[in-house]
Amino acid sequence: MLNCQVWKITDGIYSFLDEGEDSFYVIEGTERAAVIDTGISPGEKIIPLIRHYTDKPLVLVITHAHIDHVYHMDEFDTVYMNHEDAAIAGQLLERMGCDKKLDFAATTDIRTGSSIDLGTIGLEVCQAGGHSPGSVAFYEKKSDSVFTGDAIGSGYGVWMQVPGALPLDKFYENLTAFLQWLIARGGRMNFYGGHYRQRFQSPLIPNYNPVNLGMLCDMIDLVDKIVKGEITGRESVQDKSFGTEMTLYASYGRAEIQYRQSNIHSSK
């Protein structure tokens, strides 16, 4: 069985942290249970672990189609993801070293306004494209929780230097729409990202820098200032580069970002 650390968030909601420091979640309703992302642990299947926490029929909901979030996707019969990622997922996984062939065409498309019924509770969907074109967040009203994957980072920046990331000017538009969507639901929800330990790994605020609405507001300001040329990132040797272009790092308030100079403005 997979070796994961498990935390109970509240009744019927569990957080899992795998050996690759990837976070995924289980949310149990009265009719079905949703698994949010899958982590990347090789060698064992994920469902036997999940069955220790729910016996309900399972659906997989994917925040974005990067290898550390979809590796065990082939264990599920019903999978929801935004198809803006499905269009590029295969080539992204190949570049990221995935050793599986995953059928993204067989997934069900979700977008802002989509909902996934679990019985008595459900998940609302909001697009938050940037880190990947099809990144989405899931909101569960009863627990007032939002699950953001890597859309706004997990406490140590958001990786916008990855292949397929949207230009920063488009990311800014999507972040502001996401902020408005969250405020319409109260704005004070608990945020759960894709990598739990990163909240303790920020060089900007190294002790504890959790994702919340305040960080999202700082992220919007940071991206806006980079797009306007008011902030210029410094070369980063500690953040991974995908290709020959140097990764740049910038921060503002509690927000951090890693990006490429060539991917700030959309092509005209």
Protein backbone atom coordinates (compact mmCIF):
# COMPACT_ATOMS: atom_id res chain seq x y z
CA MET A 1 0.00 0.00 0.00
CA LEU A 2 1.12 3.55 -0.68
CA ASN A 3 3.09 5.20 2.10
CA CYS A 4 1.24 8.46 2.78
CA GLN A 5 0.68 10.76 5.71
CA VAL A 6 -3.03 11.30 6.29
CA TRP A 7 -4.87 14.07 8.14
CA LYS A 8 -8.57 14.36 8.88
CA ILE A 9 -9.65 17.89 7.93
CA THR A 10 -13.22 17.41 9.13
CA ASP A 11 -15.85 14.67 9.02
CA GLY A 12 -15.62 13.02 5.60
CA ILE A 13 -12.69 15.10 4.31
CA TYR A 14 -9.12 13.81 4.37
CA SER A 15 -5.77 15.17 3.23
CA PHE A 16 -3.03 12.83 1.97
CA LEU A 17 0.65 13.64 1.52
CA ASP A 18 2.70 11.16 -0.53
CA GLU A 19 6.43 10.49 -0.53
CA GLY A 20 6.92 13.01 -3.34
CA GLU A 21 5.36 15.70 -1.09
CA ASP A 22 2.29 15.89 -3.30
CA SER A 23 -1.09 16.47 -1.67
CA PHE A 24 -4.39 14.93 -2.66
CA TYR A 25 -7.77 14.83 -0.93
CA VAL A 26 -10.89 12.72 -0.38
CA ILE A 27 -14.32 14.30 0.16
CA GLU A 28 -17.15 11.91 1.04
CA GLY A 29 -20.78 12.65 0.35
CA THR A 30 -23.78 10.44 1.04
CA GLU A 31 -23.79 8.99 -2.49
CA ARG A 32 -20.24 9.30 -3.83
CA ALA A 33 -16.76 10.34 -2.78
CA ALA A 34 -14.52 12.66 -4.77
CA VAL A 35 -10.78 12.16 -4.92
CA ILE A 36 -9.05 15.46 -5.73
CA ASP A 37 -5.81 14.67 -7.63
CA THR A 38 -3.73 11.52 -7.11
CA GLY A 39 -0.14 12.35 -6.20
CA ILE A 40 2.67 10.59 -8.02
CA SER A 41 3.78 7.64 -5.83
CA PRO A 42 4.87 4.79 -8.16
CA GLY A 43 4.77 1.05 -7.53
CA GLU A 44 1.39 0.75 -5.77
CA LYS A 45 -2.20 1.68 -6.56
CA ILE A 46 -3.92 4.54 -4.79
CA ILE A 47 -7.45 3.14 -4.40
CA PRO A 48 -6.61 0.51 -1.72
CA LEU A 49 -5.38 3.38 0.48
CA ILE A 50 -8.49 5.47 -0.19
CA ARG A 51 -10.72 2.51 0.71
CA HIS A 52 -9.55 2.83 4.32
CA TYR A 53 -11.42 6.17 4.46
CA THR A 54 -14.53 5.67 2.33
CA ASP A 55 -16.53 2.82 0.82
CA LYS A 56 -18.57 5.11 -1.46
CA PRO A 57 -18.31 4.96 -5.30
CA LEU A 58 -15.36 7.09 -6.35
CA VAL A 59 -14.94 9.87 -8.88
CA LEU A 60 -11.63 11.57 -9.61
CA VAL A 61 -11.55 15.35 -10.04
CA ILE A 62 -8.32 16.83 -11.34
CA THR A 63 -7.04 20.32 -10.58
CA HIS A 64 -4.62 20.18 -13.52
CA ALA A 65 -2.92 17.62 -15.74
CA HIS A 66 0.64 17.59 -14.41
CA ILE A 67 2.24 14.26 -13.58
CA ASP A 68 2.30 14.79 -9.81
CA HIS A 69 -1.49 15.27 -9.85
CA VAL A 70 -2.71 12.66 -12.34
CA TYR A 71 -0.30 9.69 -12.07
CA HIS A 72 -2.98 7.30 -10.75
CA MET A 73 -5.76 8.58 -13.02
CA ASP A 74 -5.99 5.24 -14.82
CA GLU A 75 -7.38 3.57 -11.69
CA PHE A 76 -10.65 5.52 -11.91
CA ASP A 77 -13.66 4.93 -14.17
CA THR A 78 -15.06 8.46 -13.83
CA VAL A 79 -12.69 11.40 -14.18
CA TYR A 80 -13.44 15.13 -14.39
CA MET A 81 -10.93 17.70 -15.66
CA ASN A 82 -10.86 20.87 -17.70
CA HIS A 83 -10.25 20.02 -21.34
CA GLU A 84 -8.01 23.00 -21.91
CA ASP A 85 -5.46 20.77 -20.18
CA ALA A 86 -6.58 17.63 -22.03
CA ALA A 87 -5.47 19.18 -25.31
CA ILE A 88 -1.83 19.42 -24.20
CA ALA A 89 -1.64 16.87 -21.38
CA GLY A 90 0.02 14.08 -23.34
CA GLN A 91 2.99 16.12 -24.48
CA LEU A 92 3.32 17.75 -21.05
CA LEU A 93 3.54 14.39 -19.31
CA GLU A 94 6.10 13.16 -21.80
CA ARG A 95 8.29 16.20 -21.10
CA MET A 96 7.86 15.61 -17.36
CA GLY A 97 8.98 11.99 -17.59
CA CYS A 98 5.66 10.17 -17.18
CA ASP A 99 5.96 6.42 -17.79
CA LYS A 100 2.20 5.92 -18.36
CA LYS A 101 -0.18 6.45 -21.24
CA LEU A 102 -3.23 8.18 -19.80
CA ASP A 103 -6.45 8.68 -21.74
CA PHE A 104 -7.39 12.32 -21.20
CA ALA A 105 -9.94 12.22 -24.02
CA ALA A 106 -12.07 9.88 -21.88
CA THR A 107 -12.47 12.47 -19.12
CA THR A 108 -15.52 14.68 -18.57
CA ASP A 109 -14.92 18.39 -19.17
CA ILE A 110 -15.54 20.82 -16.30
CA ARG A 111 -15.52 24.61 -16.32
CA THR A 112 -16.57 27.56 -14.18
CA GLY A 113 -20.17 26.88 -13.27
CA SER A 114 -19.82 23.09 -13.35
CA SER A 115 -20.75 21.17 -10.21
CA ILE A 116 -20.10 17.62 -9.07
CA ASP A 117 -22.87 16.13 -6.93
CA LEU A 118 -21.74 13.80 -4.15
CA GLY A 119 -25.12 13.58 -2.41
CA THR A 120 -26.04 16.21 0.24
CA ILE A 121 -22.76 17.96 -0.60
CA GLY A 122 -20.98 18.73 -3.84
CA LEU A 123 -18.09 20.55 -5.46
CA GLU A 124 -18.35 23.82 -7.35
CA VAL A 125 -15.77 24.41 -10.07
CA CYS A 126 -13.90 27.59 -10.98
CA GLN A 127 -11.29 27.91 -13.71
CA ALA A 128 -8.00 29.45 -12.61
CA GLY A 129 -5.79 28.92 -15.64
CA GLY A 130 -2.16 29.98 -15.52
CA HIS A 131 0.12 27.30 -14.07
CA SER A 132 -1.60 25.18 -16.69
CA PRO A 133 -4.23 26.39 -19.17
CA GLY A 134 -6.92 24.24 -17.58
CA SER A 135 -6.16 24.65 -13.89
CA VAL A 136 -9.33 24.64 -11.78
CA ALA A 137 -10.28 24.96 -8.11
CA PHE A 138 -13.01 23.07 -6.27
CA TYR A 139 -15.18 24.62 -3.54
CA GLU A 140 -17.11 22.60 -0.93
CA LYS A 141 -19.66 24.80 0.80
CA LYS A 142 -20.43 22.81 3.97
CA SER A 143 -16.81 22.82 5.18
CA ASP A 144 -16.14 26.20 3.48
CA SER A 145 -13.07 24.73 1.80
CA VAL A 146 -11.42 25.43 -1.54
CA PHE A 147 -8.95 23.04 -3.14
CA THR A 148 -6.61 24.91 -5.47
CA GLY A 149 -3.99 22.43 -6.67
CA ASP A 150 -1.05 24.49 -7.94
CA ALA A 151 -3.15 27.34 -9.37
CA ILE A 152 -1.79 29.90 -6.87
CA GLY A 153 1.00 27.83 -5.35
CA SER A 154 0.97 26.14 -1.95
CA GLY A 155 2.91 28.70 0.07
CA TYR A 156 6.10 28.79 -1.99
CA GLY A 157 5.28 30.63 -5.18
CA VAL A 158 3.42 29.54 -8.27
CA TRP A 159 5.43 27.89 -11.03
CA MET A 160 4.73 29.81 -14.23
CA GLN A 161 7.99 28.70 -15.89
CA VAL A 162 6.56 25.24 -16.63
CA PRO A 163 5.79 24.14 -20.21
CA GLY A 164 2.31 25.19 -21.27
CA ALA A 165 1.86 27.92 -18.63
CA LEU A 166 -0.25 30.84 -19.79
CA PRO A 167 1.31 34.28 -20.33
CA LEU A 168 1.26 36.40 -17.19
CA ASP A 169 -1.15 38.96 -18.61
CA LYS A 170 -3.71 36.20 -19.17
CA PHE A 171 -2.93 34.74 -15.74
CA TYR A 172 -3.74 38.16 -14.23
CA GLU A 173 -7.19 38.15 -15.85
CA ASN A 174 -7.91 34.66 -14.58
CA LEU A 175 -6.71 35.45 -11.05
CA THR A 176 -8.98 38.48 -10.77
CA ALA A 177 -11.97 36.43 -11.96
CA PHE A 178 -11.07 33.71 -9.43
CA LEU A 179 -10.87 36.30 -6.63
CA GLN A 180 -14.34 37.62 -7.50
CA TRP A 181 -15.70 34.06 -7.56
CA LEU A 182 -14.29 33.37 -4.09
CA ILE A 183 -15.59 36.64 -2.64
CA ALA A 184 -19.06 35.76 -3.92
CA ARG A 185 -18.82 32.65 -1.71
CA GLY A 186 -17.70 34.58 1.36
CA GLY A 187 -13.96 34.81 0.72
CA ARG A 188 -12.94 33.47 4.14
CA MET A 189 -12.75 29.79 3.27
CA ASN A 190 -9.91 27.43 4.09
CA PHE A 191 -7.47 26.91 1.21
CA TYR A 192 -5.87 23.53 0.48
CA GLY A 193 -3.12 23.46 -2.15
CA GLY A 194 -1.31 20.74 -4.03
CA HIS A 195 1.82 20.53 -1.84
CA TYR A 196 1.20 20.80 1.90
CA ARG A 197 4.81 21.24 3.05
CA GLN A 198 5.45 24.24 0.79
CA ARG A 199 3.71 26.49 3.31
CA PHE A 200 6.81 25.92 5.48
CA GLN A 201 9.37 26.26 2.66
CA SER A 202 9.00 29.83 1.43
CA PRO A 203 12.30 31.76 1.41
CA LEU A 204 10.21 34.92 1.70
CA ILE A 205 8.39 33.90 4.90
CA PRO A 206 10.14 30.66 5.86
CA ASN A 207 8.28 29.64 9.00
CA TYR A 208 4.67 29.60 7.80
CA ASN A 209 3.14 31.10 4.66
CA PRO A 210 -0.22 29.45 4.01
CA VAL A 211 -2.40 30.08 0.99
CA ASN A 212 -5.42 32.27 1.68
CA LEU A 213 -7.33 35.18 0.18
CA GLY A 214 -4.67 37.66 1.31
CA MET A 215 -1.96 35.79 -0.55
CA LEU A 216 -4.16 35.64 -3.65
CA CYS A 217 -4.58 39.43 -3.53
CA ASP A 218 -0.81 39.84 -3.23
CA MET A 219 -0.38 37.45 -6.16
CA ILE A 220 -2.68 39.55 -8.31
CA ASP A 221 -0.67 42.68 -7.47
CA LEU A 222 2.61 40.87 -8.13
CA VAL A 223 1.56 39.59 -11.55
CA ASP A 224 0.14 43.00 -12.47
CA LYS A 225 3.41 44.73 -11.55
CA ILE A 226 5.47 42.26 -13.59
CA VAL A 227 3.20 42.74 -16.61
CA LYS A 228 3.49 46.54 -16.27
CA GLY A 229 7.27 46.37 -15.84
CA GLU A 230 7.17 47.74 -12.30
CA ILE A 231 8.76 44.56 -10.92
CA THR A 232 11.49 42.57 -12.67
CA GLY A 233 12.41 39.15 -11.35
CA ARG A 234 15.92 38.02 -10.54
CA GLU A 235 17.53 34.93 -11.99
CA SER A 236 16.81 31.91 -9.82
CA VAL A 237 19.25 29.02 -9.53
CA GLN A 238 17.12 27.10 -7.02
CA ASP A 239 13.93 26.94 -9.11
CA LYS A 240 13.82 24.41 -11.93
CA SER A 241 14.08 25.58 -15.53
CA PHE A 242 12.30 23.61 -18.25
CA GLY A 243 14.54 24.22 -21.23
CA THR A 244 17.33 26.71 -21.86
CA GLU A 245 15.60 29.89 -20.67
CA MET A 246 16.51 30.95 -17.13
CA THR A 247 13.75 30.93 -14.55
CA LEU A 248 13.08 34.30 -12.88
CA TYR A 249 11.82 34.76 -9.32
CA ALA A 250 9.83 37.73 -7.98
CA SER A 251 7.83 38.46 -4.84
CA TYR A 252 5.40 41.02 -3.49
CA GLY A 253 3.79 40.94 -0.04
CA ARG A 254 3.31 37.25 0.72
CA ALA A 255 3.19 36.18 -2.92
CA GLU A 256 6.01 34.62 -4.95
CA ILE A 257 6.24 33.59 -8.58
CA GLN A 258 8.64 31.77 -10.87
CA TYR A 259 8.32 32.69 -14.55
CA ARG A 260 10.02 33.15 -17.92
CA GLN A 261 10.75 36.58 -19.38
CA SER A 262 9.44 35.43 -22.76
CA ASN A 263 6.05 34.50 -21.32
CA ILE A 264 4.87 37.76 -19.78
CA HIS A 265 2.74 39.13 -22.61
CA SER A 266 0.32 37.32 -24.89
CA SER A 267 1.15 37.17 -28.58
CA LYS A 268 -0.71 39.77 -30.56
